[in-house]
N, C-alpha and C. Protein backbone atom coordinates (compact mmCIF):
# COMPACT_ATOMS: atom_id res chain seq x y z
N UNK A 1 0.81 -1.19 0.00
CA UNK A 1 0.00 0.00 0.00
C UNK A 1 0.85 1.26 0.00
N UNK A 2 1.97 1.24 0.75
CA UNK A 2 2.83 2.42 0.84
C UNK A 2 3.45 2.72 -0.52
N UNK A 3 3.90 1.69 -1.21
CA UNK A 3 4.50 1.88 -2.53
C UNK A 3 3.51 2.49 -3.50
N UNK A 4 2.26 2.08 -3.41
CA UNK A 4 1.22 2.60 -4.30
C UNK A 4 0.98 4.08 -4.04
N UNK A 5 0.95 4.51 -2.78
CA UNK A 5 0.71 5.92 -2.48
C UNK A 5 1.93 6.77 -2.85
N UNK A 6 3.14 6.22 -2.69
CA UNK A 6 4.35 6.95 -3.09
C UNK A 6 4.36 7.13 -4.59
N UNK A 7 4.03 6.06 -5.32
CA UNK A 7 3.96 6.16 -6.78
C UNK A 7 2.91 7.17 -7.21
N UNK A 8 1.77 7.17 -6.57
CA UNK A 8 0.70 8.12 -6.90
C UNK A 8 1.14 9.55 -6.66
N UNK A 9 1.85 9.80 -5.57
CA UNK A 9 2.34 11.14 -5.27
C UNK A 9 3.38 11.57 -6.29
N UNK A 10 4.26 10.66 -6.69
CA UNK A 10 5.27 10.99 -7.70
C UNK A 10 4.62 11.28 -9.05
N UNK A 11 3.63 10.50 -9.41
CA UNK A 11 2.92 10.71 -10.67
C UNK A 11 2.20 12.05 -10.67
N UNK A 12 1.56 12.38 -9.58
CA UNK A 12 0.86 13.66 -9.46
C UNK A 12 1.84 14.83 -9.57
N UNK A 13 2.99 14.73 -8.94
CA UNK A 13 4.00 15.79 -9.01
C UNK A 13 4.52 15.94 -10.43
N UNK A 14 4.75 14.83 -11.12
CA UNK A 14 5.23 14.88 -12.50
C UNK A 14 4.20 15.54 -13.41
N UNK A 15 2.95 15.11 -13.33
CA UNK A 15 1.90 15.68 -14.17
C UNK A 15 1.72 17.16 -13.89
N UNK A 16 1.75 17.54 -12.64
CA UNK A 16 1.62 18.95 -12.28
C UNK A 16 2.74 19.79 -12.82
N UNK A 17 3.97 19.32 -12.72
CA UNK A 17 5.10 20.08 -13.24
C UNK A 17 5.07 20.14 -14.76
N UNK A 18 4.61 19.09 -15.41
CA UNK A 18 4.51 19.08 -16.86
C UNK A 18 3.49 20.10 -17.34
N UNK A 19 2.38 20.19 -16.67
CA UNK A 19 1.36 21.15 -17.05
C UNK A 19 1.84 22.59 -16.88
N UNK A 20 2.60 22.85 -15.85
CA UNK A 20 3.15 24.20 -15.63
C UNK A 20 4.11 24.54 -16.74
N UNK A 21 4.99 23.62 -17.10
CA UNK A 21 5.95 23.86 -18.17
C UNK A 21 5.26 24.03 -19.51
N UNK A 22 4.23 23.25 -19.78
CA UNK A 22 3.55 23.33 -21.06
C UNK A 22 2.90 24.68 -21.27
N UNK A 23 2.47 25.33 -20.22
CA UNK A 23 1.84 26.64 -20.34
C UNK A 23 2.83 27.74 -20.71
N UNK A 24 4.11 27.53 -20.49
CA UNK A 24 5.11 28.56 -20.74
C UNK A 24 5.76 28.45 -22.12
N UNK A 25 5.43 27.45 -22.89
CA UNK A 25 6.07 27.24 -24.19
C UNK A 25 5.50 28.22 -25.21
N UNK A 26 6.39 28.91 -25.91
CA UNK A 26 5.98 29.80 -26.99
C UNK A 26 6.77 29.40 -28.21
N UNK A 27 6.11 29.27 -29.34
CA UNK A 27 6.81 28.89 -30.55
C UNK A 27 6.54 29.91 -31.65
N UNK A 28 7.37 29.86 -32.64
CA UNK A 28 7.21 30.77 -33.76
C UNK A 28 8.05 32.02 -33.60
N UNK A 29 8.02 32.84 -34.61
CA UNK A 29 8.79 34.08 -34.62
C UNK A 29 7.93 35.17 -34.01
N UNK A 30 8.47 35.91 -33.04
CA UNK A 30 7.70 37.01 -32.45
C UNK A 30 7.33 38.06 -33.50
N UNK A 31 6.20 38.67 -33.34
CA UNK A 31 5.74 39.69 -34.27
C UNK A 31 6.76 40.83 -34.34
N UNK A 32 7.11 41.23 -35.55
CA UNK A 32 8.04 42.32 -35.75
C UNK A 32 9.50 41.91 -35.77
N UNK A 33 9.81 40.65 -35.49
CA UNK A 33 11.19 40.18 -35.49
C UNK A 33 11.51 39.54 -36.84
N UNK A 34 12.79 39.51 -37.20
CA UNK A 34 13.19 38.92 -38.48
C UNK A 34 13.72 37.49 -38.26
N UNK A 35 13.75 36.76 -39.35
CA UNK A 35 14.28 35.41 -39.33
C UNK A 35 15.70 35.48 -39.84
N UNK A 36 16.63 34.90 -39.13
CA UNK A 36 18.01 34.87 -39.58
C UNK A 36 18.22 33.84 -40.67
N UNK A 37 19.42 33.76 -41.17
CA UNK A 37 19.77 32.77 -42.18
C UNK A 37 19.66 31.37 -41.57
N UNK A 38 19.11 30.44 -42.34
CA UNK A 38 19.01 29.06 -41.86
C UNK A 38 19.14 28.09 -43.03
N UNK A 39 19.49 26.87 -42.72
CA UNK A 39 19.64 25.84 -43.73
C UNK A 39 18.58 24.77 -43.52
N UNK A 40 18.18 24.16 -44.64
CA UNK A 40 17.19 23.09 -44.60
C UNK A 40 17.52 22.07 -45.67
N UNK A 41 16.98 20.89 -45.53
CA UNK A 41 17.13 19.85 -46.54
C UNK A 41 15.74 19.52 -47.05
N UNK A 42 15.56 19.59 -48.37
CA UNK A 42 14.25 19.30 -48.95
C UNK A 42 13.94 17.81 -48.81
N UNK A 43 12.78 17.51 -48.27
CA UNK A 43 12.39 16.11 -48.09
C UNK A 43 11.12 15.76 -48.86
N UNK A 44 10.60 16.68 -49.63
CA UNK A 44 9.41 16.42 -50.43
C UNK A 44 8.72 17.73 -50.76
N UNK A 45 7.54 17.65 -51.31
CA UNK A 45 6.79 18.87 -51.57
C UNK A 45 6.59 19.13 -53.05
N UNK A 46 6.58 20.41 -53.41
CA UNK A 46 6.27 20.84 -54.77
C UNK A 46 7.33 20.38 -55.77
N UNK A 47 6.90 20.21 -57.00
CA UNK A 47 7.84 19.92 -58.10
C UNK A 47 8.34 21.27 -58.61
N UNK A 48 9.45 21.69 -58.06
CA UNK A 48 9.95 23.03 -58.35
C UNK A 48 11.36 23.02 -58.91
N UNK A 49 11.84 21.86 -59.34
CA UNK A 49 13.18 21.76 -59.89
C UNK A 49 14.25 21.51 -58.84
N UNK A 50 13.88 21.52 -57.58
CA UNK A 50 14.83 21.24 -56.49
C UNK A 50 14.68 19.77 -56.14
N UNK A 51 15.79 19.03 -56.17
CA UNK A 51 15.71 17.59 -55.91
C UNK A 51 15.55 17.31 -54.41
N UNK A 52 14.90 16.23 -54.11
CA UNK A 52 14.76 15.77 -52.74
C UNK A 52 16.15 15.47 -52.18
N UNK A 53 16.40 15.79 -50.94
CA UNK A 53 17.67 15.64 -50.23
C UNK A 53 18.68 16.73 -50.58
N UNK A 54 18.28 17.74 -51.34
CA UNK A 54 19.18 18.85 -51.62
C UNK A 54 19.20 19.80 -50.43
N UNK A 55 20.40 20.22 -50.05
CA UNK A 55 20.54 21.18 -48.93
C UNK A 55 20.31 22.58 -49.46
N UNK A 56 19.48 23.34 -48.76
CA UNK A 56 19.12 24.70 -49.19
C UNK A 56 19.50 25.69 -48.10
N UNK A 57 19.82 26.92 -48.49
CA UNK A 57 20.15 27.98 -47.56
C UNK A 57 19.20 29.14 -47.82
N UNK A 58 18.52 29.59 -46.79
CA UNK A 58 17.59 30.71 -46.90
C UNK A 58 18.14 31.90 -46.13
N UNK A 59 18.09 33.07 -46.76
CA UNK A 59 18.54 34.30 -46.09
C UNK A 59 17.46 35.33 -46.09
């Protein structure tokens, strides 16, 4: 019984801390900010003359 209540308390603490952290996550570019140079590898999409697996640089 003691192990079950300890496990329950640990699970509750984990879930509670996860929910707090999840509320603070912000993604995307902030309004008014610019995007710096970045590299990507094409893995699919439009037929635009760029081959799949080609490394691309965006500025």
